[in-house]
Amino acid sequence: MSRYNLFLKISNVVAYILVIAANTVVHVGDSKSDEPVTNSTLISGNWTVPETYLLPATYTFGIWGLIHTLLLGFIIYQWFEAAETATVEGIKFYFVTASILNVVWLLIWGNSRIRILIDAFVLAALSMNLFKAFDNISTHYPPKDFKDRLFIHYPFTIYAAWTLIATILNFWAAIPFLNTVFFSTIAIICLGVVGYDYNKNHDVVFSATIAWALVGIAVRQQDTLPILIASSVSSGVILGGILRKWISKTRAYIELRRTRLRDVGETDPLLP
């Protein structure tokens, strides 16, 4: 292993530890308030977010636990030879940069709109950084087996998709002008289009992450009819597309198995 590769992998480990430490400080440490918390929702520990028309149900934020668990798998898997190329040439230092931005986002977060606005731009940079890593590994380093999918592709796919959602949520919390039923409905429809498009391009995990957020929005905003309809229809279209794809693949697999078994039967020598 070259010095560069070793340095990159150690940097990934340190970056992951810093993110977990920052999360612990934010969720467990003393709450920081620039002004009284008004119209805000407690998500976890001392972590509060302003109420908006795009805020999903609290349980949807549990996806962070899945993301951090999968990233831990990546941190371990990167040391295996099978992950060498994708880690060094695909992910590069994007994970380290994303982790630094993640820590900054967590530590800046507060109850004032200026902090939330700054955080929105930090999240936008974080999201673009992750999309670059996601695009690299999706385009140039497709998974060779299930371990590649689980520990390289899934973590960065879900991470990239969820930071897109988080970025939009931050801008909606920071800019009251956006937080209207009209603009929120448009945003939900756009998310539905994005999720459906990624599903058409065979990235079911990305689409499912978008659908997870949309279902959460439908659950929380059920009293606002346009938001409920838009989020329900958008998530339904995405999940319906995923289901159709799975059914199609299952049918193709069964048909392939039947064809192979039939071919084997036809080529068996006749018994005397």
Protein backbone atom coordinates (compact mmCIF):
# COMPACT_ATOMS: atom_id res chain seq x y z
CA MET A 1 0.00 0.00 0.00
CA SER A 2 1.41 3.38 -1.01
CA ARG A 3 1.82 6.23 1.47
CA TYR A 4 -0.89 8.20 -0.30
CA ASN A 5 -3.40 5.34 -0.03
CA LEU A 6 -2.54 4.82 3.64
CA PHE A 7 -2.89 8.54 4.37
CA LEU A 8 -6.27 8.66 2.60
CA LYS A 9 -7.65 5.70 4.55
CA ILE A 10 -6.41 7.00 7.90
CA SER A 11 -7.94 10.39 7.03
CA ASN A 12 -11.26 8.64 6.37
CA VAL A 13 -11.12 7.00 9.80
CA VAL A 14 -10.33 10.29 11.57
CA ALA A 15 -13.05 12.11 9.62
CA TYR A 16 -15.65 9.50 10.59
CA ILE A 17 -14.69 9.74 14.27
CA LEU A 18 -14.99 13.54 14.15
CA VAL A 19 -18.50 13.33 12.67
CA ILE A 20 -19.64 10.88 15.35
CA ALA A 21 -18.10 13.08 18.06
CA ALA A 22 -19.81 16.20 16.69
CA ASN A 23 -23.15 14.39 16.58
CA THR A 24 -22.69 13.34 20.19
CA VAL A 25 -21.92 16.91 21.28
CA VAL A 26 -24.97 18.30 19.46
CA HIS A 27 -27.46 15.66 20.54
CA VAL A 28 -26.27 15.12 24.11
CA GLY A 29 -24.55 18.37 25.11
CA ASP A 30 -26.14 21.52 26.45
CA SER A 31 -28.61 23.20 24.16
CA LYS A 32 -27.40 26.41 22.53
CA SER A 33 -29.91 29.15 21.87
CA ASP A 34 -29.43 32.52 20.25
CA GLU A 35 -33.07 33.38 20.83
CA PRO A 36 -36.11 31.61 22.30
CA VAL A 37 -37.15 28.55 20.33
CA THR A 38 -40.45 29.35 18.65
CA ASN A 39 -42.43 27.15 16.27
CA SER A 40 -39.69 24.51 16.47
CA THR A 41 -39.76 20.74 16.75
CA LEU A 42 -37.49 18.61 18.92
CA ILE A 43 -35.91 15.91 16.75
CA SER A 44 -33.37 14.30 19.07
CA GLY A 45 -31.71 15.32 22.32
CA ASN A 46 -31.34 19.11 22.03
CA TRP A 47 -31.65 19.11 18.24
CA THR A 48 -34.58 21.29 17.15
CA VAL A 49 -35.71 22.33 13.69
CA PRO A 50 -38.21 25.07 12.73
CA GLU A 51 -41.62 23.93 11.55
CA THR A 52 -42.08 24.21 7.77
CA TYR A 53 -44.41 22.70 5.19
CA LEU A 54 -41.57 20.41 4.10
CA LEU A 55 -40.63 19.12 7.54
CA PRO A 56 -41.15 15.33 7.55
CA ALA A 57 -42.22 13.16 10.48
CA THR A 58 -39.62 12.86 13.25
CA TYR A 59 -38.97 9.17 12.59
CA THR A 60 -37.60 9.90 9.11
CA PHE A 61 -34.52 11.50 10.67
CA GLY A 62 -33.62 8.06 11.98
CA ILE A 63 -32.10 7.49 8.55
CA TRP A 64 -28.98 9.22 9.92
CA GLY A 65 -28.43 6.15 12.08
CA LEU A 66 -28.51 3.96 8.96
CA ILE A 67 -26.13 6.31 7.13
CA HIS A 68 -23.59 6.33 9.96
CA THR A 69 -23.81 2.53 10.30
CA LEU A 70 -23.19 2.00 6.59
CA LEU A 71 -20.33 4.52 6.66
CA LEU A 72 -18.77 2.55 9.51
CA GLY A 73 -18.96 -0.47 7.22
CA PHE A 74 -17.17 1.57 4.54
CA ILE A 75 -14.47 2.64 7.02
CA ILE A 76 -13.76 -1.02 7.78
CA TYR A 77 -14.19 -2.33 4.24
CA GLN A 78 -11.82 0.25 2.72
CA TRP A 79 -8.88 -1.67 4.24
CA PHE A 80 -9.67 -4.75 2.14
CA GLU A 81 -8.03 -5.15 -1.26
CA ALA A 82 -11.42 -5.47 -2.99
CA ALA A 83 -12.26 -1.88 -2.03
CA GLU A 84 -8.87 -0.34 -2.87
CA THR A 85 -9.64 1.04 -6.33
CA ALA A 86 -13.10 2.42 -5.55
CA THR A 87 -11.87 4.03 -2.34
CA VAL A 88 -8.71 5.63 -3.68
CA GLU A 89 -9.79 6.54 -7.22
CA GLY A 90 -13.55 6.85 -6.81
CA ILE A 91 -14.26 8.32 -3.39
CA LYS A 92 -10.86 9.99 -3.05
CA PHE A 93 -10.92 12.73 -0.39
CA TYR A 94 -14.60 13.52 -0.97
CA PHE A 95 -15.58 11.67 2.20
CA VAL A 96 -13.06 13.64 4.26
CA THR A 97 -14.30 16.93 2.82
CA ALA A 98 -17.92 15.90 3.36
CA SER A 99 -17.17 14.98 6.98
CA ILE A 100 -15.55 18.35 7.66
CA LEU A 101 -18.59 20.12 6.18
CA ASN A 102 -20.88 17.86 8.20
CA VAL A 103 -19.10 18.83 11.43
CA VAL A 104 -19.28 22.53 10.51
CA TRP A 105 -23.00 22.18 9.77
CA LEU A 106 -23.65 20.51 13.13
CA LEU A 107 -21.65 23.01 15.17
CA ILE A 108 -23.08 26.10 13.45
CA TRP A 109 -26.68 24.99 13.87
CA GLY A 110 -28.72 27.28 16.11
CA ASN A 111 -32.16 28.81 16.44
CA SER A 112 -31.45 32.09 14.64
CA ARG A 113 -32.33 32.34 10.95
CA ILE A 114 -28.88 33.65 10.05
CA ARG A 115 -27.27 30.51 11.47
CA ILE A 116 -29.76 28.30 9.65
CA LEU A 117 -29.12 30.19 6.40
CA ILE A 118 -25.34 29.79 6.74
CA ASP A 119 -25.90 26.14 7.50
CA ALA A 120 -28.04 25.81 4.37
CA PHE A 121 -25.10 26.91 2.21
CA VAL A 122 -22.75 24.59 4.13
CA LEU A 123 -25.19 21.74 3.49
CA ALA A 124 -25.38 22.68 -0.19
CA ALA A 125 -21.59 22.38 -0.43
CA LEU A 126 -21.75 19.08 1.47
CA SER A 127 -24.44 17.77 -0.89
CA MET A 128 -22.49 18.74 -4.04
CA ASN A 129 -19.36 17.12 -2.62
CA LEU A 130 -21.21 13.87 -1.93
CA PHE A 131 -22.85 13.91 -5.35
CA LYS A 132 -19.39 14.04 -6.89
CA ALA A 133 -18.32 10.93 -4.95
CA PHE A 134 -21.66 9.28 -5.74
CA ASP A 135 -21.31 10.04 -9.46
CA ASN A 136 -17.70 8.81 -9.52
CA ILE A 137 -18.39 5.40 -8.03
CA SER A 138 -21.68 4.95 -9.92
CA THR A 139 -20.17 5.81 -13.29
CA HIS A 140 -16.64 4.44 -13.11
CA TYR A 141 -16.61 1.85 -10.30
CA PRO A 142 -19.81 -0.24 -10.46
CA PRO A 143 -20.20 -2.80 -7.67
CA LYS A 144 -18.49 -6.13 -8.26
CA ASP A 145 -20.47 -7.97 -5.60
CA PHE A 146 -22.86 -7.46 -2.69
CA LYS A 147 -20.10 -6.24 -0.36
CA ASP A 148 -19.29 -3.43 -2.79
CA ARG A 149 -22.96 -2.48 -2.89
CA LEU A 150 -23.42 -2.58 0.88
CA PHE A 151 -20.22 -0.87 2.02
CA ILE A 152 -19.35 1.49 -0.85
CA HIS A 153 -22.34 2.27 -3.03
CA TYR A 154 -25.24 2.20 -0.55
CA PRO A 155 -23.60 4.52 2.05
CA PHE A 156 -22.78 7.25 -0.44
CA THR A 157 -26.03 6.86 -2.38
CA ILE A 158 -28.21 7.28 0.71
CA TYR A 159 -25.93 9.98 2.13
CA ALA A 160 -26.08 12.01 -1.10
CA ALA A 161 -29.86 11.66 -1.43
CA TRP A 162 -30.56 12.58 2.19
CA THR A 163 -28.28 15.64 2.20
CA LEU A 164 -30.24 16.86 -0.83
CA ILE A 165 -33.39 16.63 1.30
CA ALA A 166 -31.63 18.25 4.29
CA THR A 167 -30.37 21.13 2.16
CA ILE A 168 -33.89 21.94 0.95
CA LEU A 169 -35.23 21.70 4.52
CA ASN A 170 -32.58 24.16 5.71
CA PHE A 171 -33.37 26.72 3.02
CA TRP A 172 -37.09 26.43 3.79
CA ALA A 173 -36.36 26.98 7.49
CA ALA A 174 -34.08 29.96 6.81
CA ILE A 175 -36.14 31.80 4.18
CA PRO A 176 -39.78 32.39 5.20
CA PHE A 177 -40.65 33.46 1.64
CA LEU A 178 -40.16 29.87 0.47
CA ASN A 179 -42.21 28.34 3.25
CA THR A 180 -45.61 28.62 1.59
CA VAL A 181 -48.01 25.91 0.45
CA PHE A 182 -47.43 26.86 -3.20
CA PHE A 183 -43.61 26.73 -3.21
CA SER A 184 -43.58 23.69 -0.93
CA THR A 185 -45.90 21.80 -3.27
CA ILE A 186 -43.67 22.67 -6.23
CA ALA A 187 -40.59 21.48 -4.29
CA ILE A 188 -42.30 18.17 -3.46
CA ILE A 189 -43.26 17.61 -7.10
CA CYS A 190 -39.66 18.32 -8.15
CA LEU A 191 -38.37 15.82 -5.59
CA GLY A 192 -40.82 13.28 -6.98
CA VAL A 193 -39.52 13.86 -10.50
CA VAL A 194 -35.91 13.49 -9.29
CA GLY A 195 -36.72 10.27 -7.45
CA TYR A 196 -38.58 8.81 -10.43
CA ASP A 197 -35.79 9.78 -12.83
CA TYR A 198 -33.12 8.09 -10.69
CA ASN A 199 -35.31 4.99 -10.50
CA LYS A 200 -35.52 4.92 -14.31
CA ASN A 201 -31.72 5.08 -14.35
CA HIS A 202 -31.56 1.97 -12.15
CA ASP A 203 -30.64 3.65 -8.85
CA VAL A 204 -33.37 2.23 -6.68
CA VAL A 205 -31.64 3.10 -3.39
CA PHE A 206 -31.42 6.82 -4.24
CA SER A 207 -35.08 6.87 -5.28
CA ALA A 208 -36.15 4.96 -2.16
CA THR A 209 -34.38 7.56 0.02
CA ILE A 210 -36.31 10.37 -1.66
CA ALA A 211 -39.54 8.39 -1.23
CA TRP A 212 -38.74 7.89 2.48
CA ALA A 213 -38.62 11.67 2.93
CA LEU A 214 -41.80 12.23 0.91
CA VAL A 215 -43.74 9.67 2.95
CA GLY A 216 -42.52 11.41 6.11
CA ILE A 217 -43.76 14.75 4.75
CA ALA A 218 -47.16 13.24 3.94
CA VAL A 219 -47.45 11.84 7.46
CA ARG A 220 -46.53 15.10 9.21
CA GLN A 221 -48.33 17.53 6.87
CA GLN A 222 -51.56 15.54 6.50
CA ASP A 223 -53.64 18.52 7.61
CA THR A 224 -52.43 20.59 4.62
CA LEU A 225 -54.25 19.03 1.67
CA PRO A 226 -52.04 20.20 -1.26
CA ILE A 227 -48.89 19.05 0.58
CA LEU A 228 -50.52 15.72 1.49
CA ILE A 229 -51.66 15.07 -2.09
CA ALA A 230 -48.34 16.10 -3.68
CA SER A 231 -46.17 14.09 -1.29
CA SER A 232 -48.46 11.03 -1.39
CA VAL A 233 -48.65 10.98 -5.19
CA SER A 234 -44.92 11.66 -5.63
CA SER A 235 -43.88 8.94 -3.18
CA GLY A 236 -46.44 6.58 -4.70
CA VAL A 237 -45.06 7.12 -8.20
CA ILE A 238 -41.51 6.46 -7.00
CA LEU A 239 -42.42 3.37 -4.95
CA GLY A 240 -44.64 2.09 -7.77
CA GLY A 241 -41.72 2.40 -10.19
CA ILE A 242 -39.44 0.54 -7.78
CA LEU A 243 -42.03 -2.22 -7.35
CA ARG A 244 -42.49 -2.59 -11.12
CA LYS A 245 -38.74 -2.83 -11.57
CA TRP A 246 -38.44 -5.54 -8.91
CA ILE A 247 -41.33 -7.51 -10.44
CA SER A 248 -39.75 -7.21 -13.89
CA LYS A 249 -36.37 -8.40 -12.62
CA THR A 250 -37.95 -11.27 -10.72
CA ARG A 251 -39.85 -12.40 -13.80
CA ALA A 252 -36.70 -12.14 -15.94
CA TYR A 253 -34.76 -14.20 -13.39
CA ILE A 254 -37.43 -16.90 -13.23
CA GLU A 255 -37.63 -17.05 -17.02
CA LEU A 256 -33.83 -17.32 -17.28
CA ARG A 257 -33.81 -20.17 -14.76
CA ARG A 258 -36.52 -22.01 -16.70
CA THR A 259 -34.64 -21.55 -19.97
CA ARG A 260 -31.40 -22.89 -18.47
CA LEU A 261 -33.15 -25.89 -16.92
CA ARG A 262 -34.90 -26.63 -20.23
CA ASP A 263 -31.60 -26.37 -22.12
CA VAL A 264 -29.92 -28.71 -19.64
CA GLY A 265 -32.76 -31.21 -20.02
CA GLU A 266 -32.53 -31.12 -23.80
CA THR A 267 -28.78 -31.73 -23.83
CA ASP A 268 -28.82 -34.67 -21.37
CA PRO A 269 -27.85 -37.94 -23.10
CA LEU A 270 -30.67 -40.42 -23.62
CA LEU A 271 -30.72 -43.22 -21.11
CA PRO A 272 -30.24 -46.72 -22.59
